[in-house]
Each structure stands twice: as structure tokens, then as C-alpha cells.
Amino acid sequence: MNHAPARTRSQRQRAALAIALSCLALTAPAGAAVMISQVYGGGGNLGATFTNDYVE
């Protein structure tokens, strides 16, 4: 059987965890930079509040 020693397996797990954490740290936080400028109003039908599909 080809089993990796526990030390090598542990090192791989630590490396995978370090890579995952560094990827999370490099992602930009979704802070105040997000701005919604258009909203779908579902307009155009008879009882709709808005007559257009998109409101900006």
C-alpha cells in the first residue's frame, strides 16, 4: 500500500489551509464600493407601478 507518512500528510493539509486562507485574504471586501444603479421594476403590465422595465 502507498500511504503517505503522517508528517507529509500534515504538511500538505497545512499548505492547503495556508493557500485557502491567503486566497480569502486577497479577495476584495464588498464594502461601500458596490452601488446598485438600476432596478428591474417588472413594469409594462396593466397594474404595474412603473411603465418601464428598468428604473435608474
PDB file of N, CA and C in Angstrom:
ATOM      1  N   MET A   1       0.827  -1.181   0.000  1.00  0.00           N
ATOM      2  CA  MET A   1       0.000   0.000   0.000  1.00  0.00           C
ATOM      3  C   MET A   1       0.871   1.243   0.000  1.00  0.00           C
ATOM      4  N   ASN A   2       0.433   2.240  -0.730  1.00  0.00           N
ATOM      5  CA  ASN A   2       1.151   3.509  -0.797  1.00  0.00           C
ATOM      6  C   ASN A   2       0.471   4.544   0.082  1.00  0.00           C
ATOM      7  N   HIS A   3       0.823   4.585   1.326  1.00  0.00           N
ATOM      8  CA  HIS A   3       0.278   5.593   2.229  1.00  0.00           C
ATOM      9  C   HIS A   3       1.367   6.601   2.533  1.00  0.00           C
ATOM     10  N   ALA A   4       1.011   7.874   2.453  1.00  0.00           N
ATOM     11  CA  ALA A   4       1.971   8.922   2.803  1.00  0.00           C
ATOM     12  C   ALA A   4       2.142   8.948   4.307  1.00  0.00           C
ATOM     13  N   PRO A   5       3.336   9.184   4.767  1.00  0.00           N
ATOM     14  CA  PRO A   5       3.545   9.294   6.207  1.00  0.00           C
ATOM     15  C   PRO A   5       2.695  10.421   6.786  1.00  0.00           C
ATOM     16  N   ALA A   6       2.373  10.306   8.066  1.00  0.00           N
ATOM     17  CA  ALA A   6       1.514  11.298   8.716  1.00  0.00           C
ATOM     18  C   ALA A   6       2.127  12.688   8.648  1.00  0.00           C
ATOM     19  N   ARG A   7       3.439  12.776   8.718  1.00  0.00           N
ATOM     20  CA  ARG A   7       4.106  14.077   8.677  1.00  0.00           C
ATOM     21  C   ARG A   7       3.883  14.755   7.326  1.00  0.00           C
ATOM     22  N   THR A   8       4.022  14.021   6.237  1.00  0.00           N
ATOM     23  CA  THR A   8       3.815  14.577   4.904  1.00  0.00           C
ATOM     24  C   THR A   8       2.359  14.969   4.709  1.00  0.00           C
ATOM     25  N   ARG A   9       1.449  14.149   5.173  1.00  0.00           N
ATOM     26  CA  ARG A   9       0.026  14.433   5.062  1.00  0.00           C
ATOM     27  C   ARG A   9      -0.316  15.700   5.844  1.00  0.00           C
ATOM     28  N   SER A  10       0.254  15.829   7.026  1.00  0.00           N
ATOM     29  CA  SER A  10       0.020  17.013   7.849  1.00  0.00           C
ATOM     30  C   SER A  10       0.572  18.267   7.172  1.00  0.00           C
ATOM     31  N   GLN A  11       1.728  18.138   6.547  1.00  0.00           N
ATOM     32  CA  GLN A  11       2.311  19.278   5.842  1.00  0.00           C
ATOM     33  C   GLN A  11       1.433  19.686   4.662  1.00  0.00           C
ATOM     34  N   ARG A  12       0.894  18.720   3.960  1.00  0.00           N
ATOM     35  CA  ARG A  12       0.007  19.023   2.832  1.00  0.00           C
ATOM     36  C   ARG A  12      -1.258  19.713   3.308  1.00  0.00           C
ATOM     37  N   GLN A  13      -1.805  19.247   4.426  1.00  0.00           N
ATOM     38  CA  GLN A  13      -3.012  19.871   4.966  1.00  0.00           C
ATOM     39  C   GLN A  13      -2.733  21.308   5.388  1.00  0.00           C
ATOM     40  N   ARG A  14      -1.588  21.536   6.022  1.00  0.00           N
ATOM     41  CA  ARG A  14      -1.227  22.899   6.423  1.00  0.00           C
ATOM     42  C   ARG A  14      -1.024  23.792   5.208  1.00  0.00           C
ATOM     43  N   ALA A  15      -0.394  23.253   4.170  1.00  0.00           N
ATOM     44  CA  ALA A  15      -0.171  24.035   2.952  1.00  0.00           C
ATOM     45  C   ALA A  15      -1.502  24.376   2.282  1.00  0.00           C
ATOM     46  N   ALA A  16      -2.413  23.412   2.228  1.00  0.00           N
ATOM     47  CA  ALA A  16      -3.726  23.662   1.634  1.00  0.00           C
ATOM     48  C   ALA A  16      -4.490  24.715   2.431  1.00  0.00           C
ATOM     49  N   LEU A  17      -4.407  24.647   3.750  1.00  0.00           N
ATOM     50  CA  LEU A  17      -5.064  25.632   4.599  1.00  0.00           C
ATOM     51  C   LEU A  17      -4.455  27.014   4.396  1.00  0.00           C
ATOM     52  N   ALA A  18      -3.134  27.081   4.292  1.00  0.00           N
ATOM     53  CA  ALA A  18      -2.464  28.366   4.078  1.00  0.00           C
ATOM     54  C   ALA A  18      -2.860  28.974   2.736  1.00  0.00           C
ATOM     55  N   ILE A  19      -2.955  28.150   1.710  1.00  0.00           N
ATOM     56  CA  ILE A  19      -3.361  28.640   0.389  1.00  0.00           C
ATOM     57  C   ILE A  19      -4.796  29.146   0.430  1.00  0.00           C
ATOM     58  N   ALA A  20      -5.680  28.390   1.073  1.00  0.00           N
ATOM     59  CA  ALA A  20      -7.082  28.804   1.165  1.00  0.00           C
ATOM     60  C   ALA A  20      -7.221  30.117   1.924  1.00  0.00           C
ATOM     61  N   LEU A  21      -6.502  30.247   3.031  1.00  0.00           N
ATOM     62  CA  LEU A  21      -6.584  31.483   3.813  1.00  0.00           C
ATOM     63  C   LEU A  21      -5.992  32.671   3.065  1.00  0.00           C
ATOM     64  N   SER A  22      -4.924  32.440   2.308  1.00  0.00           N
ATOM     65  CA  SER A  22      -4.338  33.544   1.549  1.00  0.00           C
ATOM     66  C   SER A  22      -5.259  33.972   0.410  1.00  0.00           C
ATOM     67  N   CYS A  23      -5.968  33.034  -0.191  1.00  0.00           N
ATOM     68  CA  CYS A  23      -6.939  33.396  -1.232  1.00  0.00           C
ATOM     69  C   CYS A  23      -8.063  34.237  -0.644  1.00  0.00           C
ATOM     70  N   LEU A  24      -8.520  33.875   0.543  1.00  0.00           N
ATOM     71  CA  LEU A  24      -9.565  34.655   1.198  1.00  0.00           C
ATOM     72  C   LEU A  24      -9.067  36.045   1.564  1.00  0.00           C
ATOM     73  N   ALA A  25      -7.817  36.143   1.972  1.00  0.00           N
ATOM     74  CA  ALA A  25      -7.261  37.434   2.361  1.00  0.00           C
ATOM     75  C   ALA A  25      -7.065  38.344   1.151  1.00  0.00           C
ATOM     76  N   LEU A  26      -6.842  37.772  -0.021  1.00  0.00           N
ATOM     77  CA  LEU A  26      -6.593  38.575  -1.214  1.00  0.00           C
ATOM     78  C   LEU A  26      -7.868  39.074  -1.884  1.00  0.00           C
ATOM     79  N   THR A  27      -9.001  38.500  -1.547  1.00  0.00           N
ATOM     80  CA  THR A  27     -10.248  38.945  -2.160  1.00  0.00           C
ATOM     81  C   THR A  27     -10.628  40.300  -1.596  1.00  0.00           C
ATOM     82  N   ALA A  28     -11.177  41.124  -2.433  1.00  0.00           N
ATOM     83  CA  ALA A  28     -11.566  42.468  -2.004  1.00  0.00           C
ATOM     84  C   ALA A  28     -12.859  42.402  -1.201  1.00  0.00           C
ATOM     85  N   PRO A  29     -12.922  43.129  -0.108  1.00  0.00           N
ATOM     86  CA  PRO A  29     -14.161  43.138   0.672  1.00  0.00           C
ATOM     87  C   PRO A  29     -15.261  43.867  -0.091  1.00  0.00           C
ATOM     88  N   ALA A  30     -16.469  43.382   0.032  1.00  0.00           N
ATOM     89  CA  ALA A  30     -17.609  44.001  -0.639  1.00  0.00           C
ATOM     90  C   ALA A  30     -18.141  45.120   0.244  1.00  0.00           C
ATOM     91  N   GLY A  31     -17.420  46.195   0.280  1.00  0.00           N
ATOM     92  CA  GLY A  31     -17.773  47.309   1.146  1.00  0.00           C
ATOM     93  C   GLY A  31     -18.644  48.324   0.433  1.00  0.00           C
ATOM     94  N   ALA A  32     -18.352  49.572   0.656  1.00  0.00           N
ATOM     95  CA  ALA A  32     -19.160  50.663   0.123  1.00  0.00           C
ATOM     96  C   ALA A  32     -18.954  50.868  -1.376  1.00  0.00           C
ATOM     97  N   ALA A  33     -18.075  50.119  -2.003  1.00  0.00           N
ATOM     98  CA  ALA A  33     -17.817  50.294  -3.427  1.00  0.00           C
ATOM     99  C   ALA A  33     -18.945  49.750  -4.299  1.00  0.00           C
ATOM    100  N   VAL A  34     -19.815  48.924  -3.738  1.00  0.00           N
ATOM    101  CA  VAL A  34     -20.913  48.348  -4.515  1.00  0.00           C
ATOM    102  C   VAL A  34     -22.057  49.352  -4.568  1.00  0.00           C
ATOM    103  N   MET A  35     -22.528  49.656  -5.783  1.00  0.00           N
ATOM    104  CA  MET A  35     -23.627  50.596  -5.934  1.00  0.00           C
ATOM    105  C   MET A  35     -24.614  50.033  -6.948  1.00  0.00           C
ATOM    106  N   ILE A  36     -25.851  49.927  -6.572  1.00  0.00           N
ATOM    107  CA  ILE A  36     -26.894  49.452  -7.477  1.00  0.00           C
ATOM    108  C   ILE A  36     -27.482  50.674  -8.162  1.00  0.00           C
ATOM    109  N   SER A  37     -27.380  50.713  -9.492  1.00  0.00           N
ATOM    110  CA  SER A  37     -27.862  51.887 -10.210  1.00  0.00           C
ATOM    111  C   SER A  37     -29.122  51.597 -11.024  1.00  0.00           C
ATOM    112  N   GLN A  38     -29.479  50.333 -11.172  1.00  0.00           N
ATOM    113  CA  GLN A  38     -30.682  50.002 -11.925  1.00  0.00           C
ATOM    114  C   GLN A  38     -31.475  48.943 -11.178  1.00  0.00           C
ATOM    115  N   VAL A  39     -32.779  49.049 -11.245  1.00  0.00           N
ATOM    116  CA  VAL A  39     -33.661  48.090 -10.587  1.00  0.00           C
ATOM    117  C   VAL A  39     -34.692  47.630 -11.600  1.00  0.00           C
ATOM    118  N   TYR A  40     -34.936  46.330 -11.636  1.00  0.00           N
ATOM    119  CA  TYR A  40     -35.979  45.804 -12.508  1.00  0.00           C
ATOM    120  C   TYR A  40     -37.312  45.985 -11.810  1.00  0.00           C
ATOM    121  N   GLY A  41     -38.181  46.755 -12.391  1.00  0.00           N
ATOM    122  CA  GLY A  41     -39.469  47.038 -11.778  1.00  0.00           C
ATOM    123  C   GLY A  41     -40.578  46.118 -12.227  1.00  0.00           C
ATOM    124  N   GLY A  42     -40.322  45.274 -13.200  1.00  0.00           N
ATOM    125  CA  GLY A  42     -41.365  44.383 -13.703  1.00  0.00           C
ATOM    126  C   GLY A  42     -42.511  45.158 -14.335  1.00  0.00           C
ATOM    127  N   GLY A  43     -42.207  46.291 -14.930  1.00  0.00           N
ATOM    128  CA  GLY A  43     -43.239  47.159 -15.486  1.00  0.00           C
ATOM    129  C   GLY A  43     -43.739  46.687 -16.831  1.00  0.00           C
ATOM    130  N   GLY A  44     -44.716  47.434 -17.313  1.00  0.00           N
ATOM    131  CA  GLY A  44     -45.257  47.141 -18.622  1.00  0.00           C
ATOM    132  C   GLY A  44     -46.605  46.451 -18.568  1.00  0.00           C
ATOM    133  N   ASN A  45     -46.934  45.826 -17.449  1.00  0.00           N
ATOM    134  CA  ASN A  45     -48.243  45.184 -17.368  1.00  0.00           C
ATOM    135  C   ASN A  45     -49.275  46.177 -16.837  1.00  0.00           C
ATOM    136  N   LEU A  46     -50.509  45.838 -16.833  1.00  0.00           N
ATOM    137  CA  LEU A  46     -51.612  46.755 -16.544  1.00  0.00           C
ATOM    138  C   LEU A  46     -51.567  47.332 -15.129  1.00  0.00           C
ATOM    139  N   GLY A  47     -51.279  46.529 -14.123  1.00  0.00           N
ATOM    140  CA  GLY A  47     -51.300  47.020 -12.753  1.00  0.00           C
ATOM    141  C   GLY A  47     -49.946  47.429 -12.217  1.00  0.00           C
ATOM    142  N   ALA A  48     -48.967  47.616 -13.082  1.00  0.00           N
ATOM    143  CA  ALA A  48     -47.607  47.917 -12.628  1.00  0.00           C
ATOM    144  C   ALA A  48     -47.481  49.358 -12.158  1.00  0.00           C
ATOM    145  N   THR A  49     -46.654  49.552 -11.128  1.00  0.00           N
ATOM    146  CA  THR A  49     -46.377  50.899 -10.630  1.00  0.00           C
ATOM    147  C   THR A  49     -45.573  51.687 -11.646  1.00  0.00           C
ATOM    148  N   PHE A  50     -44.625  51.023 -12.268  1.00  0.00           N
ATOM    149  CA  PHE A  50     -43.781  51.664 -13.274  1.00  0.00           C
ATOM    150  C   PHE A  50     -44.175  51.165 -14.653  1.00  0.00           C
ATOM    151  N   THR A  51     -44.033  52.040 -15.653  1.00  0.00           N
ATOM    152  CA  THR A  51     -44.381  51.633 -17.010  1.00  0.00           C
ATOM    153  C   THR A  51     -43.181  51.093 -17.769  1.00  0.00           C
ATOM    154  N   ASN A  52     -41.981  51.290 -17.245  1.00  0.00           N
ATOM    155  CA  ASN A  52     -40.769  50.794 -17.891  1.00  0.00           C
ATOM    156  C   ASN A  52     -40.222  49.601 -17.122  1.00  0.00           C
ATOM    157  N   ASP A  53     -39.418  48.800 -17.798  1.00  0.00           N
ATOM    158  CA  ASP A  53     -38.846  47.619 -17.156  1.00  0.00           C
ATOM    159  C   ASP A  53     -37.731  47.966 -16.184  1.00  0.00           C
ATOM    160  N   TYR A  54     -36.916  48.962 -16.505  1.00  0.00           N
ATOM    161  CA  TYR A  54     -35.770  49.302 -15.660  1.00  0.00           C
ATOM    162  C   TYR A  54     -35.914  50.719 -15.133  1.00  0.00           C
ATOM    163  N   VAL A  55     -35.583  50.893 -13.876  1.00  0.00           N
ATOM    164  CA  VAL A  55     -35.601  52.217 -13.244  1.00  0.00           C
ATOM    165  C   VAL A  55     -34.178  52.533 -12.843  1.00  0.00           C
ATOM    166  N   GLU A  56     -33.700  53.706 -13.251  1.00  0.00           N
ATOM    167  CA  GLU A  56     -32.328  54.084 -12.903  1.00  0.00           C
ATOM    168  C   GLU A  56     -32.331  55.290 -11.997  1.00  0.00           C
TER     169      GLU A  56
END
